[in-house]
Amino acid sequence: MLANKTLINMKYVREIMEFSKITSISTNDVLRIFYHSDLYFLLKNSISDIYCISDNWLVEKLKEECENKNMSK
């Protein structure tokens, strides 16, 4: 099942804003991080209904991915 694109875009915004808030990274930098992440690829392609998972969990996964790949630099 494919998710509504508007709902997915709203999810992106919530995750980007929350990630920026918890990491104190600027929104512009978070956009770069998010759009180059594996998480974005999964959400964009509606893989495994990942869009149904809570925003907080996804933000934590993005944070882990960022730390593992050292994407914040």
Protein backbone atom coordinates (compact mmCIF):
# COMPACT_ATOMS: atom_id res chain seq x y z
CA MET A 1 0.00 0.00 0.00
CA LEU A 2 1.32 3.43 -0.91
CA ALA A 3 0.97 6.28 1.53
CA ASN A 4 -0.55 9.60 0.57
CA LYS A 5 2.27 11.89 -0.63
CA THR A 6 0.96 14.83 1.41
CA LEU A 7 1.05 12.75 4.59
CA ILE A 8 4.58 11.57 3.81
CA ASN A 9 5.71 15.16 3.21
CA MET A 10 4.18 16.21 6.53
CA LYS A 11 6.07 13.36 8.18
CA TYR A 12 9.32 14.64 6.63
CA VAL A 13 8.68 18.09 8.09
CA ARG A 14 7.99 16.72 11.59
CA GLU A 15 11.12 14.56 11.52
CA ILE A 16 13.34 17.34 10.19
CA MET A 17 12.10 19.84 12.76
CA GLU A 18 12.39 17.38 15.67
CA PHE A 19 15.86 16.27 14.59
CA SER A 20 16.97 19.89 14.37
CA LYS A 21 15.57 20.55 17.83
CA ILE A 22 17.21 17.59 19.59
CA THR A 23 20.59 17.96 17.88
CA SER A 24 20.81 21.77 17.69
CA ILE A 25 21.78 21.46 14.04
CA SER A 26 20.40 24.14 11.73
CA THR A 27 17.33 23.27 9.70
CA ASN A 28 19.25 23.72 6.44
CA ASP A 29 21.91 21.25 7.57
CA VAL A 30 19.26 18.82 8.77
CA LEU A 31 17.58 19.00 5.36
CA ARG A 32 20.88 18.00 3.75
CA ILE A 33 21.35 15.18 6.24
CA PHE A 34 17.80 13.93 5.88
CA TYR A 35 17.70 13.96 2.07
CA HIS A 36 20.97 12.00 1.92
CA SER A 37 19.91 9.43 4.52
CA ASP A 38 18.85 5.83 4.15
CA LEU A 39 15.75 6.73 6.12
CA TYR A 40 14.65 9.19 3.43
CA PHE A 41 15.17 6.53 0.77
CA LEU A 42 12.98 4.11 2.70
CA LEU A 43 10.24 6.67 3.29
CA LYS A 44 10.33 8.01 -0.26
CA ASN A 45 9.98 4.53 -1.71
CA SER A 46 7.36 3.40 0.84
CA ILE A 47 9.48 0.43 1.78
CA SER A 48 8.06 -1.86 4.42
CA ASP A 49 5.37 0.58 5.60
CA ILE A 50 8.07 2.53 7.45
CA TYR A 51 5.87 5.63 7.21
CA CYS A 52 3.59 3.99 9.83
CA ILE A 53 6.33 4.03 12.48
CA SER A 54 6.28 6.81 15.06
CA ASP A 55 8.08 10.04 14.28
CA ASN A 56 10.15 9.82 17.47
CA TRP A 57 11.45 6.38 16.57
CA LEU A 58 12.35 7.55 13.06
CA VAL A 59 14.13 10.61 14.44
CA GLU A 60 16.18 8.36 16.71
CA LYS A 61 17.07 6.15 13.73
CA LEU A 62 18.09 9.22 11.75
CA LYS A 63 20.24 10.35 14.66
CA GLU A 64 21.90 6.92 14.83
CA GLU A 65 22.47 6.91 11.10
CA CYS A 66 23.95 10.40 11.27
CA GLU A 67 26.31 9.36 14.06
CA ASN A 68 27.31 6.13 12.31
CA LYS A 69 28.00 7.85 9.00
CA ASN A 70 29.32 11.02 10.61
CA MET A 71 26.90 12.99 8.41
CA SER A 72 26.75 16.09 10.59
CA LYS A 73 30.09 17.38 9.30
